[in-house]
Structures are given as C-alpha cells and as structure tokens.
Amino acid sequence: MEVSQSDRCYVYGGVADLRKGAAGLSVLVGKPEKDALYLFSNRRRNLLKFLSVDKFGTWVGTRRLHHNRFDWPEDPQGRQKLTAQELACLLMGGDVKKLRLKQLLTGQKSKNMTYS
C-alpha cells in the first residue's frame, strides 16, 4: 500500500476498539472515501490501525510503537486532516504539533494532501 500526495488522511480522535476489522472501522467512519486513509488509536496510544479503500478492495493494517506513543488529537468526537509530512511524522512516533509549529515559524510549506 502506498500513500500519495493526492490521497486524503484523517486521524480520528479519541479511543477506538482496535479489535474491530474493516466492517467495524467503516461504521466509525461512516462511508469511507476511495483513496482516503483513516487512522485510529488504542487507549495507550502505542498502537494504531488504519483503514483504506482503493479500487481493488479494503486495506486494514496496524502500526505498533515499542518505545513511544503516537501524538494523537485530543478531540474524541472529531477527525483531523494530516499532510503527507505530518503522516510520516506521526507514523514514526514524532510530535505532529511541533512539526506544525516549526513549519509556521520558519514559513516552510508542507506538501499537503488534497482534502475535501
């Protein structure tokens, strides 16, 4: 699976039951958009699960951090859009808030994914 600059990425705030599979996560999203990536986290923030739908079917996968926690949004009801750079930072256990602050202070533009 590859995430391109044109794909949309959404992080769902709050805690998700990561025992859910594709059908259960799709219910949380509503109607998943094609070529969009949806991320969910457990309570400890050391495990995330992603859901993505492409022209061939549905992808579900996990990412576990062994020594860190994911920088996750606090809003349990909302979803947050991420740029490709922010997604890479998040998946490596980095601090997305610090990355955004650095971009703001330096005037550096990140390569945004296209969002609706």
PDB file of N, CA and C in Angstrom:
ATOM      1  N   MET A   1       0.843  -1.182   0.000  1.00  0.00           N
ATOM      2  CA  MET A   1       0.000   0.000   0.000  1.00  0.00           C
ATOM      3  C   MET A   1       0.884   1.239   0.000  1.00  0.00           C
ATOM      4  N   GLU A   2       0.501   2.211  -0.783  1.00  0.00           N
ATOM      5  CA  GLU A   2       1.272   3.450  -0.878  1.00  0.00           C
ATOM      6  C   GLU A   2       0.338   4.638  -0.700  1.00  0.00           C
ATOM      7  N   VAL A   3       0.797   5.620   0.051  1.00  0.00           N
ATOM      8  CA  VAL A   3       0.025   6.843   0.249  1.00  0.00           C
ATOM      9  C   VAL A   3       0.672   7.922  -0.598  1.00  0.00           C
ATOM     10  N   SER A   4      -0.106   8.506  -1.501  1.00  0.00           N
ATOM     11  CA  SER A   4       0.439   9.549  -2.367  1.00  0.00           C
ATOM     12  C   SER A   4       0.012  10.922  -1.868  1.00  0.00           C
ATOM     13  N   GLN A   5       0.587  11.955  -2.465  1.00  0.00           N
ATOM     14  CA  GLN A   5       0.261  13.329  -2.090  1.00  0.00           C
ATOM     15  C   GLN A   5      -1.207  13.652  -2.358  1.00  0.00           C
ATOM     16  N   SER A   6      -1.819  12.944  -3.297  1.00  0.00           N
ATOM     17  CA  SER A   6      -3.207  13.253  -3.645  1.00  0.00           C
ATOM     18  C   SER A   6      -4.215  12.550  -2.741  1.00  0.00           C
ATOM     19  N   ASP A   7      -3.759  11.623  -1.905  1.00  0.00           N
ATOM     20  CA  ASP A   7      -4.663  10.916  -1.001  1.00  0.00           C
ATOM     21  C   ASP A   7      -5.003  11.780   0.203  1.00  0.00           C
ATOM     22  N   ARG A   8      -6.148  11.519   0.782  1.00  0.00           N
ATOM     23  CA  ARG A   8      -6.577  12.225   1.990  1.00  0.00           C
ATOM     24  C   ARG A   8      -6.289  11.341   3.186  1.00  0.00           C
ATOM     25  N   CYS A   9      -5.892  11.955   4.290  1.00  0.00           N
ATOM     26  CA  CYS A   9      -5.580  11.212   5.506  1.00  0.00           C
ATOM     27  C   CYS A   9      -6.306  11.857   6.675  1.00  0.00           C
ATOM     28  N   TYR A  10      -7.021  11.040   7.441  1.00  0.00           N
ATOM     29  CA  TYR A  10      -7.784  11.524   8.586  1.00  0.00           C
ATOM     30  C   TYR A  10      -7.406  10.730   9.827  1.00  0.00           C
ATOM     31  N   VAL A  11      -7.134  11.442  10.900  1.00  0.00           N
ATOM     32  CA  VAL A  11      -6.874  10.824  12.199  1.00  0.00           C
ATOM     33  C   VAL A  11      -8.127  11.017  13.035  1.00  0.00           C
ATOM     34  N   TYR A  12      -8.666   9.935  13.554  1.00  0.00           N
ATOM     35  CA  TYR A  12      -9.849  10.014  14.405  1.00  0.00           C
ATOM     36  C   TYR A  12      -9.418  10.148  15.848  1.00  0.00           C
ATOM     37  N   GLY A  13      -9.847  11.237  16.497  1.00  0.00           N
ATOM     38  CA  GLY A  13      -9.527  11.479  17.897  1.00  0.00           C
ATOM     39  C   GLY A  13     -10.252  10.491  18.789  1.00  0.00           C
ATOM     40  N   GLY A  14      -9.848  10.457  20.023  1.00  0.00           N
ATOM     41  CA  GLY A  14     -10.479   9.535  20.955  1.00  0.00           C
ATOM     42  C   GLY A  14      -9.872   8.152  20.855  1.00  0.00           C
ATOM     43  N   VAL A  15     -10.531   7.219  21.512  1.00  0.00           N
ATOM     44  CA  VAL A  15     -10.043   5.841  21.593  1.00  0.00           C
ATOM     45  C   VAL A  15     -10.954   4.949  20.759  1.00  0.00           C
ATOM     46  N   ALA A  16     -10.361   4.077  19.974  1.00  0.00           N
ATOM     47  CA  ALA A  16     -11.139   3.131  19.169  1.00  0.00           C
ATOM     48  C   ALA A  16     -10.891   1.716  19.679  1.00  0.00           C
ATOM     49  N   ASP A  17     -11.875   0.873  19.518  1.00  0.00           N
ATOM     50  CA  ASP A  17     -11.732  -0.548  19.835  1.00  0.00           C
ATOM     51  C   ASP A  17     -11.022  -1.194  18.653  1.00  0.00           C
ATOM     52  N   LEU A  18      -9.733  -1.451  18.808  1.00  0.00           N
ATOM     53  CA  LEU A  18      -8.940  -1.944  17.686  1.00  0.00           C
ATOM     54  C   LEU A  18      -9.127  -3.431  17.426  1.00  0.00           C
ATOM     55  N   ARG A  19     -10.049  -4.055  18.136  1.00  0.00           N
ATOM     56  CA  ARG A  19     -10.416  -5.434  17.796  1.00  0.00           C
ATOM     57  C   ARG A  19     -11.286  -5.448  16.546  1.00  0.00           C
ATOM     58  N   LYS A  20     -11.819  -4.293  16.188  1.00  0.00           N
ATOM     59  CA  LYS A  20     -12.690  -4.191  15.014  1.00  0.00           C
ATOM     60  C   LYS A  20     -11.892  -4.418  13.741  1.00  0.00           C
ATOM     61  N   GLY A  21     -12.562  -4.996  12.775  1.00  0.00           N
ATOM     62  CA  GLY A  21     -11.985  -5.198  11.457  1.00  0.00           C
ATOM     63  C   GLY A  21     -12.468  -4.128  10.501  1.00  0.00           C
ATOM     64  N   ALA A  22     -12.412  -4.442   9.212  1.00  0.00           N
ATOM     65  CA  ALA A  22     -12.782  -3.470   8.179  1.00  0.00           C
ATOM     66  C   ALA A  22     -14.222  -2.996   8.329  1.00  0.00           C
ATOM     67  N   ALA A  23     -15.148  -3.907   8.573  1.00  0.00           N
ATOM     68  CA  ALA A  23     -16.563  -3.526   8.679  1.00  0.00           C
ATOM     69  C   ALA A  23     -16.803  -2.629   9.888  1.00  0.00           C
ATOM     70  N   GLY A  24     -16.223  -2.977  11.035  1.00  0.00           N
ATOM     71  CA  GLY A  24     -16.417  -2.187  12.248  1.00  0.00           C
ATOM     72  C   GLY A  24     -15.802  -0.804  12.158  1.00  0.00           C
ATOM     73  N   LEU A  25     -14.616  -0.705  11.568  1.00  0.00           N
ATOM     74  CA  LEU A  25     -13.973   0.601  11.408  1.00  0.00           C
ATOM     75  C   LEU A  25     -14.724   1.454  10.384  1.00  0.00           C
ATOM     76  N   SER A  26     -15.267   0.813   9.362  1.00  0.00           N
ATOM     77  CA  SER A  26     -16.054   1.553   8.367  1.00  0.00           C
ATOM     78  C   SER A  26     -17.276   2.197   8.996  1.00  0.00           C
ATOM     79  N   VAL A  27     -17.870   1.525   9.984  1.00  0.00           N
ATOM     80  CA  VAL A  27     -19.021   2.096  10.690  1.00  0.00           C
ATOM     81  C   VAL A  27     -18.603   3.369  11.422  1.00  0.00           C
ATOM     82  N   LEU A  28     -17.399   3.379  12.015  1.00  0.00           N
ATOM     83  CA  LEU A  28     -16.907   4.572  12.713  1.00  0.00           C
ATOM     84  C   LEU A  28     -16.711   5.744  11.750  1.00  0.00           C
ATOM     85  N   VAL A  29     -16.284   5.434  10.544  1.00  0.00           N
ATOM     86  CA  VAL A  29     -16.020   6.467   9.538  1.00  0.00           C
ATOM     87  C   VAL A  29     -17.316   6.972   8.913  1.00  0.00           C
ATOM     88  N   GLY A  30     -18.267   6.104   8.766  1.00  0.00           N
ATOM     89  CA  GLY A  30     -19.484   6.426   8.019  1.00  0.00           C
ATOM     90  C   GLY A  30     -19.391   5.730   6.683  1.00  0.00           C
ATOM     91  N   LYS A  31     -19.084   6.477   5.659  1.00  0.00           N
ATOM     92  CA  LYS A  31     -18.852   5.892   4.340  1.00  0.00           C
ATOM     93  C   LYS A  31     -17.428   6.244   3.922  1.00  0.00           C
ATOM     94  N   PRO A  32     -16.498   5.293   4.013  1.00  0.00           N
ATOM     95  CA  PRO A  32     -15.109   5.594   3.648  1.00  0.00           C
ATOM     96  C   PRO A  32     -14.980   6.020   2.188  1.00  0.00           C
ATOM     97  N   GLU A  33     -14.224   7.078   1.975  1.00  0.00           N
ATOM     98  CA  GLU A  33     -13.968   7.566   0.621  1.00  0.00           C
ATOM     99  C   GLU A  33     -12.861   6.740  -0.010  1.00  0.00           C
ATOM    100  N   LYS A  34     -12.951   6.553  -1.307  1.00  0.00           N
ATOM    101  CA  LYS A  34     -11.906   5.843  -2.033  1.00  0.00           C
ATOM    102  C   LYS A  34     -10.612   6.655  -1.969  1.00  0.00           C
ATOM    103  N   ASP A  35      -9.501   5.977  -1.786  1.00  0.00           N
ATOM    104  CA  ASP A  35      -8.164   6.577  -1.725  1.00  0.00           C
ATOM    105  C   ASP A  35      -7.985   7.537  -0.555  1.00  0.00           C
ATOM    106  N   ALA A  36      -8.729   7.326   0.509  1.00  0.00           N
ATOM    107  CA  ALA A  36      -8.521   8.082   1.753  1.00  0.00           C
ATOM    108  C   ALA A  36      -8.012   7.106   2.804  1.00  0.00           C
ATOM    109  N   LEU A  37      -7.207   7.602   3.716  1.00  0.00           N
ATOM    110  CA  LEU A  37      -6.627   6.791   4.782  1.00  0.00           C
ATOM    111  C   LEU A  37      -7.207   7.270   6.100  1.00  0.00           C
ATOM    112  N   TYR A  38      -7.721   6.343   6.902  1.00  0.00           N
ATOM    113  CA  TYR A  38      -8.325   6.657   8.195  1.00  0.00           C
ATOM    114  C   TYR A  38      -7.512   5.963   9.279  1.00  0.00           C
ATOM    115  N   LEU A  39      -7.116   6.724  10.298  1.00  0.00           N
ATOM    116  CA  LEU A  39      -6.284   6.191  11.376  1.00  0.00           C
ATOM    117  C   LEU A  39      -7.030   6.218  12.699  1.00  0.00           C
ATOM    118  N   PHE A  40      -6.856   5.153  13.481  1.00  0.00           N
ATOM    119  CA  PHE A  40      -7.492   5.004  14.787  1.00  0.00           C
ATOM    120  C   PHE A  40      -6.434   4.546  15.780  1.00  0.00           C
ATOM    121  N   SER A  41      -6.602   4.886  17.055  1.00  0.00           N
ATOM    122  CA  SER A  41      -5.613   4.523  18.073  1.00  0.00           C
ATOM    123  C   SER A  41      -6.265   3.844  19.270  1.00  0.00           C
ATOM    124  N   ASN A  42      -5.439   3.082  19.993  1.00  0.00           N
ATOM    125  CA  ASN A  42      -5.889   2.470  21.242  1.00  0.00           C
ATOM    126  C   ASN A  42      -5.718   3.461  22.395  1.00  0.00           C
ATOM    127  N   ARG A  43      -6.131   3.070  23.568  1.00  0.00           N
ATOM    128  CA  ARG A  43      -6.090   3.938  24.750  1.00  0.00           C
ATOM    129  C   ARG A  43      -4.658   4.334  25.128  1.00  0.00           C
ATOM    130  N   ARG A  44      -3.719   3.400  25.021  1.00  0.00           N
ATOM    131  CA  ARG A  44      -2.326   3.685  25.406  1.00  0.00           C
ATOM    132  C   ARG A  44      -1.554   4.467  24.354  1.00  0.00           C
ATOM    133  N   ARG A  45      -2.143   4.628  23.180  1.00  0.00           N
ATOM    134  CA  ARG A  45      -1.534   5.398  22.089  1.00  0.00           C
ATOM    135  C   ARG A  45      -0.220   4.789  21.581  1.00  0.00           C
ATOM    136  N   ASN A  46      -0.062   3.486  21.771  1.00  0.00           N
ATOM    137  CA  ASN A  46       1.133   2.836  21.233  1.00  0.00           C
ATOM    138  C   ASN A  46       0.797   1.944  20.037  1.00  0.00           C
ATOM    139  N   LEU A  47      -0.480   1.870  19.681  1.00  0.00           N
ATOM    140  CA  LEU A  47      -0.927   1.042  18.567  1.00  0.00           C
ATOM    141  C   LEU A  47      -1.944   1.827  17.747  1.00  0.00           C
ATOM    142  N   LEU A  48      -1.785   1.796  16.437  1.00  0.00           N
ATOM    143  CA  LEU A  48      -2.804   2.397  15.585  1.00  0.00           C
ATOM    144  C   LEU A  48      -3.230   1.389  14.539  1.00  0.00           C
ATOM    145  N   LYS A  49      -4.416   1.597  14.049  1.00  0.00           N
ATOM    146  CA  LYS A  49      -4.964   0.770  12.982  1.00  0.00           C
ATOM    147  C   LYS A  49      -5.408   1.714  11.880  1.00  0.00           C
ATOM    148  N   PHE A  50      -5.165   1.311  10.634  1.00  0.00           N
ATOM    149  CA  PHE A  50      -5.594   2.147   9.520  1.00  0.00           C
ATOM    150  C   PHE A  50      -6.596   1.400   8.658  1.00  0.00           C
ATOM    151  N   LEU A  51      -7.430   2.171   8.015  1.00  0.00           N
ATOM    152  CA  LEU A  51      -8.438   1.663   7.087  1.00  0.00           C
ATOM    153  C   LEU A  51      -8.312   2.473   5.812  1.00  0.00           C
ATOM    154  N   SER A  52      -8.293   1.798   4.686  1.00  0.00           N
ATOM    155  CA  SER A  52      -8.230   2.483   3.401  1.00  0.00           C
ATOM    156  C   SER A  52      -8.983   1.656   2.369  1.00  0.00           C
ATOM    157  N   VAL A  53      -9.649   2.342   1.464  1.00  0.00           N
ATOM    158  CA  VAL A  53     -10.388   1.681   0.391  1.00  0.00           C
ATOM    159  C   VAL A  53      -9.798   2.150  -0.932  1.00  0.00           C
ATOM    160  N   ASP A  54      -9.439   1.199  -1.779  1.00  0.00           N
ATOM    161  CA  ASP A  54      -8.966   1.558  -3.115  1.00  0.00           C
ATOM    162  C   ASP A  54      -9.839   0.855  -4.149  1.00  0.00           C
ATOM    163  N   LYS A  55      -9.443   0.907  -5.404  1.00  0.00           N
ATOM    164  CA  LYS A  55     -10.288   0.329  -6.456  1.00  0.00           C
ATOM    165  C   LYS A  55     -10.339  -1.199  -6.405  1.00  0.00           C
ATOM    166  N   PHE A  56      -9.442  -1.821  -5.647  1.00  0.00           N
ATOM    167  CA  PHE A  56      -9.413  -3.278  -5.566  1.00  0.00           C
ATOM    168  C   PHE A  56     -10.107  -3.835  -4.328  1.00  0.00           C
ATOM    169  N   GLY A  57     -10.217  -3.031  -3.285  1.00  0.00           N
ATOM    170  CA  GLY A  57     -10.827  -3.523  -2.049  1.00  0.00           C
ATOM    171  C   GLY A  57     -10.453  -2.667  -0.856  1.00  0.00           C
ATOM    172  N   THR A  58     -10.504  -3.275   0.313  1.00  0.00           N
ATOM    173  CA  THR A  58     -10.263  -2.564   1.570  1.00  0.00           C
ATOM    174  C   THR A  58      -8.967  -3.041   2.208  1.00  0.00           C
ATOM    175  N   TRP A  59      -8.183  -2.089   2.709  1.00  0.00           N
ATOM    176  CA  TRP A  59      -6.961  -2.370   3.449  1.00  0.00           C
ATOM    177  C   TRP A  59      -7.209  -2.094   4.927  1.00  0.00           C
ATOM    178  N   VAL A  60      -6.734  -2.978   5.772  1.00  0.00           N
ATOM    179  CA  VAL A  60      -6.703  -2.742   7.211  1.00  0.00           C
ATOM    180  C   VAL A  60      -5.321  -3.172   7.672  1.00  0.00           C
ATOM    181  N   GLY A  61      -4.667  -2.331   8.453  1.00  0.00           N
ATOM    182  CA  GLY A  61      -3.332  -2.655   8.934  1.00  0.00           C
ATOM    183  C   GLY A  61      -3.075  -2.019  10.283  1.00  0.00           C
ATOM    184  N   THR A  62      -1.960  -2.395  10.887  1.00  0.00           N
ATOM    185  CA  THR A  62      -1.602  -1.856  12.202  1.00  0.00           C
ATOM    186  C   THR A  62      -0.166  -1.351  12.201  1.00  0.00           C
ATOM    187  N   ARG A  63       0.104  -0.483  13.133  1.00  0.00           N
ATOM    188  CA  ARG A  63       1.458   0.026  13.402  1.00  0.00           C
ATOM    189  C   ARG A  63       1.591   0.117  14.907  1.00  0.00           C
ATOM    190  N   ARG A  64       2.617  -0.528  15.459  1.00  0.00           N
ATOM    191  CA  ARG A  64       2.860  -0.506  16.901  1.00  0.00           C
ATOM    192  C   ARG A  64       4.200   0.169  17.170  1.00  0.00           C
ATOM    193  N   LEU A  65       4.205   1.059  18.159  1.00  0.00           N
ATOM    194  CA  LEU A  65       5.451   1.662  18.628  1.00  0.00           C
ATOM    195  C   LEU A  65       5.876   0.921  19.891  1.00  0.00           C
ATOM    196  N   HIS A  66       7.110   0.498  19.938  1.00  0.00           N
ATOM    197  CA  HIS A  66       7.589  -0.271  21.086  1.00  0.00           C
ATOM    198  C   HIS A  66       8.086   0.608  22.224  1.00  0.00           C
ATOM    199  N   HIS A  67       8.562   1.819  21.926  1.00  0.00           N
ATOM    200  CA  HIS A  67       9.171   2.655  22.969  1.00  0.00           C
ATOM    201  C   HIS A  67       8.569   4.048  23.063  1.00  0.00           C
ATOM    202  N   ASN A  68       7.574   4.344  22.298  1.00  0.00           N
ATOM    203  CA  ASN A  68       6.986   5.685  22.262  1.00  0.00           C
ATOM    204  C   ASN A  68       5.478   5.589  22.256  1.00  0.00           C
ATOM    205  N   ARG A  69       4.851   6.738  22.175  1.00  0.00           N
ATOM    206  CA  ARG A  69       3.403   6.820  21.989  1.00  0.00           C
ATOM    207  C   ARG A  69       3.139   7.741  20.799  1.00  0.00           C
ATOM    208  N   PHE A  70       2.033   7.487  20.127  1.00  0.00           N
ATOM    209  CA  PHE A  70       1.658   8.335  18.999  1.00  0.00           C
ATOM    210  C   PHE A  70       1.144   9.671  19.511  1.00  0.00           C
ATOM    211  N   ASP A  71       1.494  10.740  18.806  1.00  0.00           N
ATOM    212  CA  ASP A  71       0.973  12.079  19.083  1.00  0.00           C
ATOM    213  C   ASP A  71      -0.433  12.112  18.499  1.00  0.00           C
ATOM    214  N   TRP A  72      -1.436  12.053  19.360  1.00  0.00           N
ATOM    215  CA  TRP A  72      -2.811  11.873  18.901  1.00  0.00           C
ATOM    216  C   TRP A  72      -3.672  13.063  19.274  1.00  0.00           C
ATOM    217  N   PRO A  73      -4.619  13.471  18.419  1.00  0.00           N
ATOM    218  CA  PRO A  73      -5.500  14.594  18.762  1.00  0.00           C
ATOM    219  C   PRO A  73      -6.362  14.273  19.977  1.00  0.00           C
ATOM    220  N   GLU A  74      -6.658  15.302  20.746  1.00  0.00           N
ATOM    221  CA  GLU A  74      -7.416  15.133  21.983  1.00  0.00           C
ATOM    222  C   GLU A  74      -8.920  15.082  21.762  1.00  0.00           C
ATOM    223  N   ASP A  75      -9.405  15.610  20.657  1.00  0.00           N
ATOM    224  CA  ASP A  75     -10.844  15.712  20.416  1.00  0.00           C
ATOM    225  C   ASP A  75     -11.447  14.336  20.144  1.00  0.00           C
ATOM    226  N   PRO A  76     -12.213  13.775  21.097  1.00  0.00           N
ATOM    227  CA  PRO A  76     -12.752  12.432  20.906  1.00  0.00           C
ATOM    228  C   PRO A  76     -13.855  12.354  19.852  1.00  0.00           C
ATOM    229  N   GLN A  77     -14.449  13.478  19.499  1.00  0.00           N
ATOM    230  CA  GLN A  77     -15.544  13.473  18.532  1.00  0.00           C
ATOM    231  C   GLN A  77     -15.090  13.833  17.123  1.00  0.00           C
ATOM    232  N   GLY A  78     -13.901  14.392  17.003  1.00  0.00           N
ATOM    233  CA  GLY A  78     -13.504  14.944  15.719  1.00  0.00           C
ATOM    234  C   GLY A  78     -12.551  14.083  14.938  1.00  0.00           C
ATOM    235  N   ARG A  79     -12.290  14.548  13.743  1.00  0.00           N
ATOM    236  CA  ARG A  79     -11.251  13.942  12.930  1.00  0.00           C
ATOM    237  C   ARG A  79     -10.364  15.066  12.446  1.00  0.00           C
ATOM    238  N   GLN A  80      -9.098  14.774  12.339  1.00  0.00           N
ATOM    239  CA  GLN A  80      -8.101  15.770  11.979  1.00  0.00           C
ATOM    240  C   GLN A  80      -7.466  15.361  10.661  1.00  0.00           C
ATOM    241  N   LYS A  81      -7.309  16.315   9.765  1.00  0.00           N
ATOM    242  CA  LYS A  81      -6.655  16.053   8.487  1.00  0.00           C
ATOM    243  C   LYS A  81      -5.149  16.179   8.664  1.00  0.00           C
ATOM    244  N   LEU A  82      -4.408  15.324   7.985  1.00  0.00           N
ATOM    245  CA  LEU A  82      -2.949  15.371   8.037  1.00  0.00           C
ATOM    246  C   LEU A  82      -2.372  15.551   6.644  1.00  0.00           C
ATOM    247  N   THR A  83      -1.241  16.233   6.581  1.00  0.00           N
ATOM    248  CA  THR A  83      -0.468  16.300   5.345  1.00  0.00           C
ATOM    249  C   THR A  83       0.366  15.027   5.255  1.00  0.00           C
ATOM    250  N   ALA A  84       0.964  14.796   4.100  1.00  0.00           N
ATOM    251  CA  ALA A  84       1.828  13.629   3.927  1.00  0.00           C
ATOM    252  C   ALA A  84       3.007  13.687   4.897  1.00  0.00           C
ATOM    253  N   GLN A  85       3.566  14.877   5.093  1.00  0.00           N
ATOM    254  CA  GLN A  85       4.697  15.052   6.004  1.00  0.00           C
ATOM    255  C   GLN A  85       4.275  14.783   7.452  1.00  0.00           C
ATOM    256  N   GLU A  86       3.093  15.255   7.828  1.00  0.00           N
ATOM    257  CA  GLU A  86       2.591  15.021   9.185  1.00  0.00           C
ATOM    258  C   GLU A  86       2.293  13.545   9.409  1.00  0.00           C
ATOM    259  N   LEU A  87       1.768  12.873   8.387  1.00  0.00           N
ATOM    260  CA  LEU A  87       1.508  11.439   8.489  1.00  0.00           C
ATOM    261  C   LEU A  87       2.805  10.675   8.724  1.00  0.00           C
ATOM    262  N   ALA A  88       3.840  10.999   7.960  1.00  0.00           N
ATOM    263  CA  ALA A  88       5.135  10.338   8.141  1.00  0.00           C
ATOM    264  C   ALA A  88       5.673  10.578   9.546  1.00  0.00           C
ATOM    265  N   CYS A  89       5.547  11.798  10.033  1.00  0.00           N
ATOM    266  CA  CYS A  89       5.991  12.145  11.386  1.00  0.00           C
ATOM    267  C   CYS A  89       5.221  11.327  12.424  1.00  0.00           C
ATOM    268  N   LEU A  90       3.907  11.259  12.281  1.00  0.00           N
ATOM    269  CA  LEU A  90       3.064  10.510  13.212  1.00  0.00           C
ATOM    270  C   LEU A  90       3.437   9.032  13.231  1.00  0.00           C
ATOM    271  N   LEU A  91       3.596   8.431  12.063  1.00  0.00           N
ATOM    272  CA  LEU A  91       3.888   7.000  11.982  1.00  0.00           C
ATOM    273  C   LEU A  91       5.244   6.636  12.572  1.00  0.00           C
ATOM    274  N   MET A  92       6.165   7.598  12.600  1.00  0.00           N
ATOM    275  CA  MET A  92       7.483   7.348  13.187  1.00  0.00           C
ATOM    276  C   MET A  92       7.521   7.681  14.673  1.00  0.00           C
ATOM    277  N   GLY A  93       6.382   8.070  15.235  1.00  0.00           N
ATOM    278  CA  GLY A  93       6.331   8.393  16.658  1.00  0.00           C
ATOM    279  C   GLY A  93       6.718   9.823  16.962  1.00  0.00           C
ATOM    280  N   GLY A  94       6.762  10.679  15.939  1.00  0.00           N
ATOM    281  CA  GLY A  94       7.132  12.077  16.133  1.00  0.00           C
ATOM    282  C   GLY A  94       5.978  12.914  16.647  1.00  0.00           C
ATOM    283  N   ASP A  95       6.283  14.152  16.975  1.00  0.00           N
ATOM    284  CA  ASP A  95       5.303  15.088  17.519  1.00  0.00           C
ATOM    285  C   ASP A  95       4.785  15.980  16.394  1.00  0.00           C
ATOM    286  N   VAL A  96       3.570  15.731  15.945  1.00  0.00           N
ATOM    287  CA  VAL A  96       2.980  16.473  14.829  1.00  0.00           C
ATOM    288  C   VAL A  96       2.793  17.938  15.196  1.00  0.00           C
ATOM    289  N   LYS A  97       2.453  18.223  16.459  1.00  0.00           N
ATOM    290  CA  LYS A  97       2.254  19.620  16.881  1.00  0.00           C
ATOM    291  C   LYS A  97       3.548  20.415  16.746  1.00  0.00           C
ATOM    292  N   LYS A  98       4.672  19.821  17.116  1.00  0.00           N
ATOM    293  CA  LYS A  98       5.963  20.507  16.983  1.00  0.00           C
ATOM    294  C   LYS A  98       6.321  20.714  15.517  1.00  0.00           C
ATOM    295  N   LEU A  99       6.005  19.739  14.674  1.00  0.00           N
ATOM    296  CA  LEU A  99       6.270  19.871  13.242  1.00  0.00           C
ATOM    297  C   LEU A  99       5.476  21.039  12.667  1.00  0.00           C
ATOM    298  N   ARG A 100       4.200  21.146  13.050  1.00  0.00           N
ATOM    299  CA  ARG A 100       3.365  22.251  12.562  1.00  0.00           C
ATOM    300  C   ARG A 100       3.888  23.592  13.054  1.00  0.00           C
ATOM    301  N   LEU A 101       4.304  23.661  14.307  1.00  0.00           N
ATOM    302  CA  LEU A 101       4.844  24.897  14.861  1.00  0.00           C
ATOM    303  C   LEU A 101       6.117  25.295  14.120  1.00  0.00           C
ATOM    304  N   LYS A 102       6.982  24.333  13.862  1.00  0.00           N
ATOM    305  CA  LYS A 102       8.225  24.611  13.138  1.00  0.00           C
ATOM    306  C   LYS A 102       7.916  25.148  11.740  1.00  0.00           C
ATOM    307  N   GLN A 103       6.945  24.538  11.061  1.00  0.00           N
ATOM    308  CA  GLN A 103       6.576  24.996   9.721  1.00  0.00           C
ATOM    309  C   GLN A 103       6.010  26.411   9.769  1.00  0.00           C
ATOM    310  N   LEU A 104       5.232  26.706  10.799  1.00  0.00           N
ATOM    311  CA  LEU A 104       4.644  28.033  10.953  1.00  0.00           C
ATOM    312  C   LEU A 104       5.729  29.079  11.209  1.00  0.00           C
ATOM    313  N   LEU A 105       6.667  28.763  12.102  1.00  0.00           N
ATOM    314  CA  LEU A 105       7.713  29.717  12.472  1.00  0.00           C
ATOM    315  C   LEU A 105       8.716  29.956  11.351  1.00  0.00           C
ATOM    316  N   THR A 106       9.006  28.927  10.570  1.00  0.00           N
ATOM    317  CA  THR A 106      10.001  29.062   9.509  1.00  0.00           C
ATOM    318  C   THR A 106       9.384  29.447   8.170  1.00  0.00           C
ATOM    319  N   GLY A 107       8.052  29.447   8.113  1.00  0.00           N
ATOM    320  CA  GLY A 107       7.383  29.753   6.856  1.00  0.00           C
ATOM    321  C   GLY A 107       7.482  28.630   5.852  1.00  0.00           C
ATOM    322  N   GLN A 108       7.917  27.464   6.323  1.00  0.00           N
ATOM    323  CA  GLN A 108       8.075  26.304   5.456  1.00  0.00           C
ATOM    324  C   GLN A 108       6.698  25.741   5.129  1.00  0.00           C
ATOM    325  N   LYS A 109       6.455  25.505   3.865  1.00  0.00           N
ATOM    326  CA  LYS A 109       5.181  24.919   3.466  1.00  0.00           C
ATOM    327  C   LYS A 109       5.356  23.416   3.351  1.00  0.00           C
ATOM    328  N   SER A 110       4.420  22.702   3.952  1.00  0.00           N
ATOM    329  CA  SER A 110       4.449  21.251   3.803  1.00  0.00           C
ATOM    330  C   SER A 110       3.691  20.884   2.542  1.00  0.00           C
ATOM    331  N   LYS A 111       3.995  19.734   2.020  1.00  0.00           N
ATOM    332  CA  LYS A 111       3.284  19.252   0.846  1.00  0.00           C
ATOM    333  C   LYS A 111       1.971  18.668   1.330  1.00  0.00           C
ATOM    334  N   ASN A 112       0.911  19.410   1.104  1.00  0.00           N
ATOM    335  CA  ASN A 112      -0.402  18.985   1.583  1.00  0.00           C
ATOM    336  C   ASN A 112      -0.977  17.889   0.716  1.00  0.00           C
ATOM    337  N   MET A 113      -1.687  17.005   1.370  1.00  0.00           N
ATOM    338  CA  MET A 113      -2.511  16.059   0.655  1.00  0.00           C
ATOM    339  C   MET A 113      -3.783  16.823   0.284  1.00  0.00           C
ATOM    340  N   THR A 114      -4.481  16.414  -0.708  1.00  0.00           N
ATOM    341  CA  THR A 114      -5.705  17.088  -1.125  1.00  0.00           C
ATOM    342  C   THR A 114      -6.853  16.623  -0.252  1.00  0.00           C
ATOM    343  N   TYR A 115      -7.580  17.566   0.308  1.00  0.00           N
ATOM    344  CA  TYR A 115      -8.682  17.230   1.203  1.00  0.00           C
ATOM    345  C   TYR A 115      -9.971  17.778   0.652  1.00  0.00           C
ATOM    346  N   SER A 116     -11.049  17.125   1.036  1.00  0.00           N
ATOM    347  CA  SER A 116     -12.359  17.644   0.640  1.00  0.00           C
ATOM    348  C   SER A 116     -12.988  18.355   1.807  1.00  0.00           C
TER     349      SER A 116
END
